[in-house]
Amino acid sequence: MQYIRIKDLREDHDKTQAEVAEALGLYTTTYQRYERGEREIPFDIAIQIAKYYNVSLDYLAGLISVPHKIEK
């Protein structure tokens, strides 16, 4: 389910896969595989994605439906 959330978040922020991959220090193909659900998202990358979009890991994992902001 994470892959659905990260695609929706990316599209909601008007970002390309390449832009997000670059911001996270990933190859674009690696990020594309995460989005398509072809590859599991490692926990450390999930944390980076959550920080990038300022949402909780609970939201990213599909445990909650409202994207709570991260307290900084």
N, C-alpha and C. Protein backbone atom coordinates (compact mmCIF):
# COMPACT_ATOMS: atom_id res chain seq x y z
N MET A 1 0.80 -1.21 0.00
CA MET A 1 0.00 0.00 0.00
C MET A 1 0.84 1.27 0.00
N GLN A 2 2.07 1.19 0.52
CA GLN A 2 2.91 2.39 0.58
C GLN A 2 3.08 3.00 -0.79
N TYR A 3 3.17 2.14 -1.80
CA TYR A 3 3.44 2.65 -3.14
C TYR A 3 2.30 3.54 -3.64
N ILE A 4 1.06 3.25 -3.25
CA ILE A 4 -0.06 4.09 -3.64
C ILE A 4 0.07 5.46 -2.98
N ARG A 5 0.40 5.46 -1.70
CA ARG A 5 0.54 6.72 -0.98
C ARG A 5 1.66 7.57 -1.53
N ILE A 6 2.80 6.97 -1.83
CA ILE A 6 3.91 7.81 -2.29
C ILE A 6 3.64 8.37 -3.68
N LYS A 7 2.92 7.64 -4.50
CA LYS A 7 2.55 8.17 -5.82
C LYS A 7 1.57 9.32 -5.66
N ASP A 8 0.55 9.14 -4.81
CA ASP A 8 -0.43 10.21 -4.58
C ASP A 8 0.25 11.45 -4.00
N LEU A 9 1.14 11.26 -3.04
CA LEU A 9 1.84 12.40 -2.44
C LEU A 9 2.67 13.13 -3.49
N ARG A 10 3.37 12.37 -4.31
CA ARG A 10 4.20 12.99 -5.36
C ARG A 10 3.35 13.81 -6.31
N GLU A 11 2.25 13.21 -6.76
CA GLU A 11 1.36 13.92 -7.69
C GLU A 11 0.71 15.13 -7.04
N ASP A 12 0.33 15.02 -5.77
CA ASP A 12 -0.26 16.16 -5.05
C ASP A 12 0.72 17.32 -4.91
N HIS A 13 2.00 17.01 -4.88
CA HIS A 13 3.03 18.05 -4.77
C HIS A 13 3.61 18.46 -6.12
N ASP A 14 2.98 17.98 -7.20
CA ASP A 14 3.41 18.32 -8.56
C ASP A 14 4.91 18.06 -8.79
N LYS A 15 5.36 16.90 -8.34
CA LYS A 15 6.76 16.51 -8.52
C LYS A 15 6.84 15.36 -9.51
N THR A 16 7.97 15.28 -10.19
CA THR A 16 8.23 14.13 -11.05
C THR A 16 8.94 13.06 -10.22
N GLN A 17 8.94 11.86 -10.74
CA GLN A 17 9.67 10.78 -10.05
C GLN A 17 11.16 11.13 -9.96
N ALA A 18 11.69 11.72 -11.01
CA ALA A 18 13.10 12.09 -11.03
C ALA A 18 13.41 13.14 -9.96
N GLU A 19 12.52 14.11 -9.76
CA GLU A 19 12.75 15.14 -8.75
C GLU A 19 12.78 14.55 -7.35
N VAL A 20 11.83 13.66 -7.07
CA VAL A 20 11.77 13.05 -5.74
C VAL A 20 12.99 12.15 -5.54
N ALA A 21 13.31 11.35 -6.54
CA ALA A 21 14.47 10.47 -6.43
C ALA A 21 15.74 11.27 -6.15
N GLU A 22 15.93 12.37 -6.85
CA GLU A 22 17.11 13.20 -6.64
C GLU A 22 17.14 13.76 -5.23
N ALA A 23 16.00 14.25 -4.75
CA ALA A 23 15.92 14.81 -3.40
C ALA A 23 16.25 13.77 -2.34
N LEU A 24 15.92 12.51 -2.62
CA LEU A 24 16.17 11.43 -1.66
C LEU A 24 17.52 10.76 -1.86
N GLY A 25 18.24 11.16 -2.92
CA GLY A 25 19.53 10.55 -3.20
C GLY A 25 19.42 9.15 -3.77
N LEU A 26 18.35 8.90 -4.54
CA LEU A 26 18.11 7.59 -5.14
C LEU A 26 18.21 7.67 -6.65
N TYR A 27 18.42 6.53 -7.26
CA TYR A 27 18.27 6.44 -8.71
C TYR A 27 16.79 6.53 -9.04
N THR A 28 16.46 7.16 -10.14
CA THR A 28 15.07 7.29 -10.55
C THR A 28 14.42 5.92 -10.70
N THR A 29 15.14 4.97 -11.27
CA THR A 29 14.56 3.63 -11.46
C THR A 29 14.24 2.96 -10.13
N THR A 30 15.05 3.19 -9.13
CA THR A 30 14.78 2.63 -7.80
C THR A 30 13.50 3.22 -7.24
N TYR A 31 13.36 4.54 -7.33
CA TYR A 31 12.15 5.19 -6.83
C TYR A 31 10.93 4.71 -7.61
N GLN A 32 11.06 4.57 -8.92
CA GLN A 32 9.95 4.08 -9.73
C GLN A 32 9.49 2.70 -9.27
N ARG A 33 10.43 1.86 -8.91
CA ARG A 33 10.08 0.51 -8.43
C ARG A 33 9.34 0.58 -7.10
N TYR A 34 9.72 1.52 -6.24
CA TYR A 34 8.98 1.72 -4.99
C TYR A 34 7.54 2.12 -5.29
N GLU A 35 7.38 3.06 -6.20
CA GLU A 35 6.04 3.56 -6.54
C GLU A 35 5.16 2.49 -7.16
N ARG A 36 5.74 1.62 -7.94
CA ARG A 36 4.98 0.55 -8.59
C ARG A 36 4.77 -0.65 -7.68
N GLY A 37 5.37 -0.64 -6.52
CA GLY A 37 5.24 -1.77 -5.60
C GLY A 37 6.08 -2.96 -5.99
N GLU A 38 7.06 -2.75 -6.85
CA GLU A 38 7.94 -3.83 -7.30
C GLU A 38 9.08 -4.08 -6.33
N ARG A 39 9.28 -3.14 -5.43
CA ARG A 39 10.39 -3.24 -4.48
C ARG A 39 9.91 -2.67 -3.15
N GLU A 40 10.23 -3.38 -2.07
CA GLU A 40 9.89 -2.89 -0.73
C GLU A 40 10.67 -1.62 -0.42
N ILE A 41 10.02 -0.70 0.26
CA ILE A 41 10.69 0.53 0.66
C ILE A 41 11.41 0.27 1.98
N PRO A 42 12.75 0.39 2.00
CA PRO A 42 13.47 0.21 3.27
C PRO A 42 13.04 1.26 4.28
N PHE A 43 13.10 0.88 5.56
CA PHE A 43 12.63 1.77 6.62
C PHE A 43 13.32 3.13 6.58
N ASP A 44 14.63 3.15 6.36
CA ASP A 44 15.33 4.44 6.34
C ASP A 44 14.86 5.32 5.19
N ILE A 45 14.53 4.72 4.06
CA ILE A 45 14.01 5.49 2.93
C ILE A 45 12.59 5.95 3.23
N ALA A 46 11.79 5.12 3.88
CA ALA A 46 10.43 5.52 4.26
C ALA A 46 10.48 6.74 5.17
N ILE A 47 11.43 6.77 6.08
CA ILE A 47 11.59 7.93 6.96
C ILE A 47 11.94 9.17 6.13
N GLN A 48 12.84 9.03 5.17
CA GLN A 48 13.20 10.16 4.30
C GLN A 48 11.99 10.66 3.50
N ILE A 49 11.20 9.73 2.99
CA ILE A 49 10.02 10.10 2.22
C ILE A 49 9.02 10.84 3.11
N ALA A 50 8.81 10.32 4.31
CA ALA A 50 7.89 10.97 5.26
C ALA A 50 8.35 12.39 5.58
N LYS A 51 9.64 12.55 5.80
CA LYS A 51 10.18 13.88 6.07
C LYS A 51 10.04 14.80 4.86
N TYR A 52 10.32 14.25 3.68
CA TYR A 52 10.24 15.03 2.45
C TYR A 52 8.84 15.62 2.26
N TYR A 53 7.82 14.81 2.52
CA TYR A 53 6.44 15.27 2.34
C TYR A 53 5.81 15.80 3.63
N ASN A 54 6.57 15.75 4.72
CA ASN A 54 6.10 16.21 6.03
C ASN A 54 4.81 15.49 6.44
N VAL A 55 4.84 14.17 6.36
CA VAL A 55 3.72 13.34 6.81
C VAL A 55 4.27 12.29 7.77
N SER A 56 3.38 11.69 8.55
CA SER A 56 3.80 10.66 9.49
C SER A 56 4.04 9.33 8.78
N LEU A 57 4.84 8.49 9.40
CA LEU A 57 5.05 7.15 8.87
C LEU A 57 3.75 6.34 8.91
N ASP A 58 2.90 6.61 9.88
CA ASP A 58 1.59 5.94 9.95
C ASP A 58 0.79 6.20 8.68
N TYR A 59 0.80 7.43 8.23
CA TYR A 59 0.08 7.77 7.00
C TYR A 59 0.74 7.08 5.80
N LEU A 60 2.03 7.15 5.73
CA LEU A 60 2.76 6.54 4.62
C LEU A 60 2.50 5.04 4.54
N ALA A 61 2.38 4.39 5.70
CA ALA A 61 2.16 2.95 5.75
C ALA A 61 0.70 2.57 5.55
N GLY A 62 -0.18 3.56 5.51
CA GLY A 62 -1.59 3.26 5.30
C GLY A 62 -2.34 2.92 6.57
N LEU A 63 -1.74 3.21 7.73
CA LEU A 63 -2.40 2.91 9.00
C LEU A 63 -3.44 3.95 9.38
N ILE A 64 -3.25 5.16 8.90
CA ILE A 64 -4.22 6.23 9.12
C ILE A 64 -4.53 6.88 7.78
N SER A 65 -5.67 7.55 7.71
CA SER A 65 -6.07 8.12 6.42
C SER A 65 -5.84 9.62 6.32
N VAL A 66 -5.47 10.26 7.41
CA VAL A 66 -5.22 11.70 7.39
C VAL A 66 -3.71 11.92 7.54
N PRO A 67 -3.12 12.66 6.62
CA PRO A 67 -1.65 12.85 6.67
C PRO A 67 -1.21 13.84 7.73
N HIS A 68 -1.01 13.37 8.95
CA HIS A 68 -0.56 14.25 10.04
C HIS A 68 0.81 14.82 9.73
N LYS A 69 0.96 16.08 10.02
CA LYS A 69 2.25 16.74 9.81
C LYS A 69 3.24 16.26 10.86
N ILE A 70 4.51 16.26 10.51
CA ILE A 70 5.57 15.89 11.43
C ILE A 70 5.95 17.12 12.24
N GLU A 71 6.08 16.95 13.54
CA GLU A 71 6.54 18.04 14.40
C GLU A 71 8.04 18.19 14.22
N LYS A 72 8.48 19.40 13.94
CA LYS A 72 9.91 19.62 13.72
C LYS A 72 10.55 20.28 14.91
